[in-house]
Amino acid sequence: MNFAVADIEVNRVEEFVDPNCDPMTFFPTLTPEIVARNLDWMAPQFWDTARNMISLTMQTWVLKTRHHTVLVDTCNGNHKPRSYFPAADMLNTPYLERLSSVGVKPEEVDFVFCTHMHIDHVGWNTRLENGNWVPTFPKAKYLFAQKEYAQYLPENYIDGKAPMFVDVFEDSVLPVIAAGQAQMVAGGYQLNDRLTIEPAPGHTPGHYIVRAGTSDDTALFVGDAIHHPIQIAEPHLSTAYCIDQKLAAQSRTRILEDCVEHGHLLVPTHFDPPYIGHVRRGVQGFQFVPGR
């Protein structure tokens, strides 16, 4: 998939699709009544009615500006032990070959931006080399949210308990920091004249989104602020993995309002084809319009 936002070329690099996500578990406050009132527009494109399952696509967005090549989120990565997520356990996918097919070699990446530090957003930050985890993109600056990093420091553990995915932090984040390629971001941050990084907390403490383009042609790369189209029609639905479900809903609603008011293209990380779309004001709330 290839499209443009202003003068930015955008390509999609898929790692894999997980077709076995149970929505009733994934969204703790989801009810059969909520599903029923949305099924007419969700099925079959975004909802498998035969199995009552949804799919989550694991993908990276590649942004080529006039001056930089930027990756937004890096999926799960190869050869990483993830027994708690069987679909991502010890993967061996041709991700780098797919990246090359859109004209990008690892050494040509200028920036890697991870919306947050969950398993499926930082995995290809590193690759296995002679038994060690090393940065996959040797010349890139990796942008991490300071709040995301801080939650993994032992002194910040709540009641002495490590946060979710501490193993992911150890093999996919710490090696980047040790290599001197990490840059911590606090608050808003302008990467260049076409890309701005903005806080959208709730899913995680330091979750960020990317605003790309110009004032009259903008796309929002929203990471896990929105996992599935049902959250557009029902923005109060947060996932079981959201550390603050109320704050996540507030960030999501703010993003949707922004898309409606200004016509921004919505670019989530996990949507099924056509992967992207616009948000309109419907009779009963927000409405998702798939496609460019």
Protein backbone atom coordinates (compact mmCIF):
# COMPACT_ATOMS: atom_id res chain seq x y z
CA MET A 1 0.00 0.00 0.00
CA ASN A 2 1.34 3.41 -0.96
CA PHE A 3 -0.16 6.88 -0.63
CA ALA A 4 0.93 10.48 -0.11
CA VAL A 5 0.21 13.06 2.56
CA ALA A 6 1.23 16.49 1.32
CA ASP A 7 4.72 15.75 -0.05
CA ILE A 8 5.33 12.75 2.22
CA GLU A 9 5.39 9.30 0.64
CA VAL A 10 3.82 6.69 2.93
CA ASN A 11 4.32 2.93 2.59
CA ARG A 12 2.99 0.05 4.64
CA VAL A 13 5.18 -2.87 5.71
CA GLU A 14 3.26 -5.81 7.12
CA GLU A 15 4.73 -8.30 9.56
CA PHE A 16 1.73 -10.62 10.00
CA VAL A 17 -2.00 -10.69 10.74
CA ASP A 18 -3.42 -12.20 13.91
CA PRO A 19 -6.97 -13.32 13.02
CA ASN A 20 -7.77 -14.74 16.45
CA CYS A 21 -8.43 -11.78 18.70
CA ASP A 22 -11.45 -12.30 20.95
CA PRO A 23 -13.13 -8.87 21.10
CA MET A 24 -15.07 -9.64 24.27
CA THR A 25 -11.80 -10.24 26.10
CA PHE A 26 -9.84 -7.53 24.32
CA PHE A 27 -12.44 -4.86 25.18
CA PRO A 28 -13.53 -5.55 28.79
CA THR A 29 -16.61 -3.29 28.64
CA LEU A 30 -17.83 -4.55 25.27
CA THR A 31 -21.31 -6.09 25.36
CA PRO A 32 -23.37 -8.08 22.84
CA GLU A 33 -25.69 -5.06 22.60
CA ILE A 34 -22.82 -2.79 21.53
CA VAL A 35 -21.72 -5.34 18.95
CA ALA A 36 -25.26 -5.70 17.60
CA ARG A 37 -25.75 -1.99 17.00
CA ASN A 38 -22.50 -1.78 15.00
CA LEU A 39 -22.43 -5.09 13.17
CA ASP A 40 -24.17 -3.79 10.04
CA TRP A 41 -21.20 -1.59 9.12
CA MET A 42 -18.40 -3.72 10.66
CA ALA A 43 -19.15 -7.10 9.11
CA PRO A 44 -17.65 -8.74 7.21
CA GLN A 45 -14.81 -6.29 6.62
CA PHE A 46 -13.87 -5.68 10.26
CA TRP A 47 -15.74 -8.42 12.11
CA ASP A 48 -15.76 -12.20 11.58
CA THR A 49 -19.35 -13.01 12.48
CA ALA A 50 -18.94 -16.77 12.00
CA ARG A 51 -16.31 -16.93 14.73
CA ASN A 52 -17.11 -13.67 16.54
CA MET A 53 -13.46 -12.70 16.20
CA ILE A 54 -11.53 -9.68 14.99
CA SER A 55 -8.14 -9.44 13.30
CA LEU A 56 -5.20 -7.29 14.28
CA THR A 57 -2.69 -6.41 11.56
CA MET A 58 0.93 -5.99 12.65
CA GLN A 59 2.51 -3.33 10.45
CA THR A 60 4.98 -0.47 10.23
CA TRP A 61 4.29 2.82 8.50
CA VAL A 62 7.25 4.12 6.49
CA LEU A 63 7.29 7.89 5.96
CA LYS A 64 9.64 9.44 3.41
CA THR A 65 9.88 13.22 3.70
CA ARG A 66 12.07 15.50 1.63
CA HIS A 67 14.91 14.98 4.11
CA HIS A 68 14.24 11.88 6.21
CA THR A 69 13.05 8.30 6.18
CA VAL A 70 11.03 7.56 9.31
CA LEU A 71 9.56 4.31 10.63
CA VAL A 72 6.49 4.51 12.85
CA ASP A 73 6.35 1.43 15.12
CA THR A 74 8.38 -1.70 14.42
CA CYS A 75 6.06 -4.66 15.09
CA ASN A 76 7.23 -7.74 17.04
CA GLY A 77 10.60 -8.73 15.62
CA ASN A 78 12.22 -12.06 14.80
CA HIS A 79 13.63 -14.74 17.12
CA LYS A 80 12.15 -13.23 20.28
CA PRO A 81 10.68 -15.53 22.96
CA ARG A 82 7.08 -14.44 23.56
CA SER A 83 5.34 -17.51 24.97
CA TYR A 84 2.52 -15.33 26.33
CA PHE A 85 1.70 -14.19 22.77
CA PRO A 86 1.94 -17.37 20.64
CA ALA A 87 1.34 -15.52 17.36
CA ALA A 88 4.56 -13.54 17.93
CA ASP A 89 6.63 -16.22 19.64
CA MET A 90 10.00 -16.85 17.94
CA LEU A 91 8.91 -15.29 14.68
CA ASN A 92 10.93 -15.66 11.50
CA THR A 93 9.30 -13.33 8.98
CA PRO A 94 10.78 -11.58 5.90
CA TYR A 95 10.08 -8.17 7.43
CA LEU A 96 13.38 -6.62 6.33
CA GLU A 97 12.87 -7.94 2.80
CA ARG A 98 9.44 -6.33 2.76
CA LEU A 99 11.00 -3.09 3.97
CA SER A 100 13.52 -3.33 1.13
CA SER A 101 10.66 -3.83 -1.34
CA VAL A 102 9.41 -0.30 -0.58
CA GLY A 103 12.87 1.08 -1.21
CA VAL A 104 14.30 1.21 2.31
CA LYS A 105 17.37 -0.60 3.61
CA PRO A 106 18.06 -0.65 7.37
CA GLU A 107 21.03 1.69 7.03
CA GLU A 108 18.87 4.23 5.18
CA VAL A 109 16.46 4.81 8.08
CA ASP A 110 16.99 8.18 9.76
CA PHE A 111 14.44 7.96 12.58
CA VAL A 112 12.53 5.19 14.30
CA PHE A 113 9.56 6.37 16.31
CA CYS A 114 7.76 4.01 18.68
CA THR A 115 4.34 5.25 19.77
CA HIS A 116 4.83 3.20 22.95
CA MET A 117 6.87 0.28 24.28
CA HIS A 118 4.48 -2.63 23.94
CA ILE A 119 5.56 -5.92 22.38
CA ASP A 120 4.17 -5.24 18.89
CA HIS A 121 5.56 -1.71 18.50
CA VAL A 122 9.27 -2.04 19.31
CA GLY A 123 10.23 -5.55 18.21
CA TRP A 124 12.24 -4.74 15.10
CA ASN A 125 14.15 -2.07 16.98
CA THR A 126 16.72 -4.82 17.44
CA ARG A 127 17.86 -7.98 15.70
CA LEU A 128 19.88 -10.95 16.87
CA GLU A 129 23.56 -10.85 15.90
CA ASN A 130 26.03 -13.40 17.26
CA GLY A 131 23.77 -14.06 20.23
CA ASN A 132 23.32 -10.36 21.09
CA TRP A 133 20.49 -7.91 20.45
CA VAL A 134 21.75 -4.98 18.39
CA PRO A 135 19.93 -2.03 16.75
CA THR A 136 18.41 -3.11 13.44
CA PHE A 137 18.76 0.38 11.96
CA PRO A 138 22.41 1.30 12.59
CA LYS A 139 22.28 4.97 11.59
CA ALA A 140 18.85 5.84 12.96
CA LYS A 141 17.93 7.93 15.94
CA TYR A 142 15.26 6.11 17.93
CA LEU A 143 12.70 8.42 19.53
CA PHE A 144 11.17 7.17 22.80
CA ALA A 145 8.79 8.92 25.16
CA GLN A 146 10.46 9.76 28.45
CA LYS A 147 7.37 8.62 30.39
CA GLU A 148 7.42 5.27 28.59
CA TYR A 149 11.05 4.73 29.51
CA ALA A 150 10.59 5.88 33.10
CA GLN A 151 7.92 3.30 33.91
CA TYR A 152 10.46 0.51 33.36
CA LEU A 153 12.96 1.86 35.88
CA PRO A 154 12.79 -0.24 39.07
CA GLU A 155 12.48 2.85 41.25
CA ASN A 156 9.20 3.65 39.50
CA TYR A 157 7.60 0.22 39.86
CA ILE A 158 4.21 0.44 41.53
CA ASP A 159 4.18 -1.68 44.71
CA GLY A 160 7.42 -3.19 43.51
CA LYS A 161 5.75 -4.75 40.47
CA ALA A 162 7.32 -4.40 37.03
CA PRO A 163 5.04 -3.09 34.26
CA MET A 164 3.79 -5.15 31.35
CA PHE A 165 6.37 -6.34 28.78
CA VAL A 166 9.51 -5.75 30.83
CA ASP A 167 11.17 -8.52 28.75
CA VAL A 168 10.38 -6.52 25.62
CA PHE A 169 11.98 -3.45 27.17
CA GLU A 170 15.10 -5.48 27.89
CA ASP A 171 15.64 -6.94 24.42
CA SER A 172 14.11 -4.24 22.19
CA VAL A 173 14.74 -0.93 23.97
CA LEU A 174 17.75 -1.22 26.28
CA PRO A 175 20.15 -2.34 23.49
CA VAL A 176 19.23 0.80 21.53
CA ILE A 177 19.97 2.96 24.56
CA ALA A 178 23.25 1.13 25.19
CA ALA A 179 24.26 1.81 21.57
CA GLY A 180 23.74 5.56 22.07
CA GLN A 181 20.98 5.74 19.44
CA ALA A 182 18.05 6.69 21.68
CA GLN A 183 16.57 10.15 22.15
CA MET A 184 14.02 10.68 24.90
CA VAL A 185 11.07 12.95 24.14
CA ALA A 186 9.02 14.83 26.72
CA GLY A 187 5.94 16.83 25.71
CA GLY A 188 5.47 17.74 22.06
CA TYR A 189 8.37 17.36 19.66
CA GLN A 190 8.84 18.54 16.09
CA LEU A 191 10.97 16.13 14.10
CA ASN A 192 10.98 18.31 11.01
CA ASP A 193 8.67 20.74 9.21
CA ARG A 194 6.34 17.91 8.20
CA LEU A 195 6.31 15.66 11.28
CA THR A 196 5.26 16.44 14.84
CA ILE A 197 5.03 14.02 17.76
CA GLU A 198 2.26 14.61 20.30
CA PRO A 199 1.28 12.96 23.60
CA ALA A 200 -1.88 10.84 23.62
CA PRO A 201 -1.66 9.00 26.96
CA GLY A 202 -3.94 6.39 28.42
CA HIS A 203 -3.12 3.20 26.60
CA THR A 204 0.30 3.62 28.21
CA PRO A 205 1.69 6.49 30.32
CA GLY A 206 3.73 7.91 27.45
CA HIS A 207 1.78 6.92 24.38
CA TYR A 208 2.37 9.32 21.46
CA ILE A 209 0.94 9.90 18.00
CA VAL A 210 2.50 11.40 14.86
CA ARG A 211 0.98 14.35 13.00
CA ALA A 212 2.27 14.32 9.43
CA GLY A 213 1.82 16.69 6.50
CA THR A 214 0.68 20.29 6.18
CA SER A 215 -2.25 22.28 7.50
CA ASP A 216 -4.39 21.42 4.48
CA ASP A 217 -3.29 17.79 4.10
CA THR A 218 -2.64 15.98 7.38
CA ALA A 219 -2.54 12.39 8.56
CA LEU A 220 -2.56 11.22 12.17
CA PHE A 221 -0.61 8.03 12.86
CA VAL A 222 -2.33 7.04 16.07
CA GLY A 223 -0.61 3.85 17.23
CA ASP A 224 -2.76 2.09 19.83
CA ALA A 225 -4.93 5.07 20.68
CA ILE A 226 -7.37 3.25 18.36
CA HIS A 227 -7.03 -0.50 17.85
CA HIS A 228 -10.21 -1.32 15.93
CA PRO A 229 -12.93 0.57 14.01
CA ILE A 230 -15.54 -0.18 16.69
CA GLN A 231 -13.69 2.30 18.91
CA ILE A 232 -14.53 5.06 16.45
CA ALA A 233 -18.26 4.47 16.80
CA GLU A 234 -17.83 3.63 20.51
CA PRO A 235 -14.86 5.71 21.72
CA HIS A 236 -15.53 4.79 25.36
CA LEU A 237 -14.24 1.26 24.62
CA SER A 238 -10.68 0.84 25.86
CA THR A 239 -8.68 -2.37 25.77
CA ALA A 240 -7.65 -4.69 28.55
CA TYR A 241 -4.10 -3.50 27.89
CA CYS A 242 -4.83 0.18 28.53
CA ILE A 243 -3.19 1.25 31.77
CA ASP A 244 -5.77 4.04 32.24
CA GLN A 245 -8.96 3.22 30.36
CA LYS A 246 -10.66 6.55 31.08
CA LEU A 247 -7.66 8.60 29.95
CA ALA A 248 -7.29 6.39 26.86
CA ALA A 249 -10.92 7.15 25.94
CA GLN A 250 -10.31 10.86 26.42
CA SER A 251 -7.26 10.81 24.14
CA ARG A 252 -9.15 8.78 21.55
CA THR A 253 -12.12 11.17 21.58
CA ARG A 254 -9.80 14.16 21.18
CA ILE A 255 -8.15 12.51 18.15
CA LEU A 256 -11.52 11.72 16.57
CA GLU A 257 -12.79 15.27 17.13
CA ASP A 258 -9.63 16.59 15.48
CA CYS A 259 -10.16 14.31 12.48
CA VAL A 260 -13.78 15.40 12.09
CA GLU A 261 -13.06 19.11 12.45
CA HIS A 262 -10.06 19.23 10.12
CA GLY A 263 -10.55 16.26 7.78
CA HIS A 264 -7.35 14.52 8.81
CA LEU A 265 -6.58 11.08 7.47
CA LEU A 266 -6.66 8.51 10.27
CA VAL A 267 -3.79 6.00 10.12
CA PRO A 268 -4.03 3.37 12.87
CA THR A 269 -1.51 0.60 13.43
CA HIS A 270 -3.74 -2.48 13.58
CA PHE A 271 -6.70 -1.99 11.21
CA ASP A 272 -7.60 -4.52 8.53
CA PRO A 273 -7.73 -3.44 4.85
CA PRO A 274 -7.96 -0.75 3.65
CA TYR A 275 -6.03 0.09 6.86
CA ILE A 276 -6.77 3.84 6.86
CA GLY A 277 -9.76 6.16 6.57
CA HIS A 278 -11.56 9.31 7.60
CA VAL A 279 -13.88 10.12 10.47
CA ARG A 280 -17.24 11.78 9.97
CA ARG A 281 -19.95 12.95 12.33
CA GLY A 282 -22.75 10.39 12.17
CA VAL A 283 -26.30 10.46 13.48
CA GLN A 284 -25.32 8.77 16.73
CA GLY A 285 -21.65 9.76 17.01
CA PHE A 286 -18.47 9.22 15.03
CA GLN A 287 -18.52 7.26 11.79
CA PHE A 288 -15.55 5.56 10.11
CA VAL A 289 -15.20 5.97 6.34
CA PRO A 290 -12.54 3.50 5.13
CA GLY A 291 -10.03 4.43 2.44
CA ARG A 292 -7.93 7.38 1.33
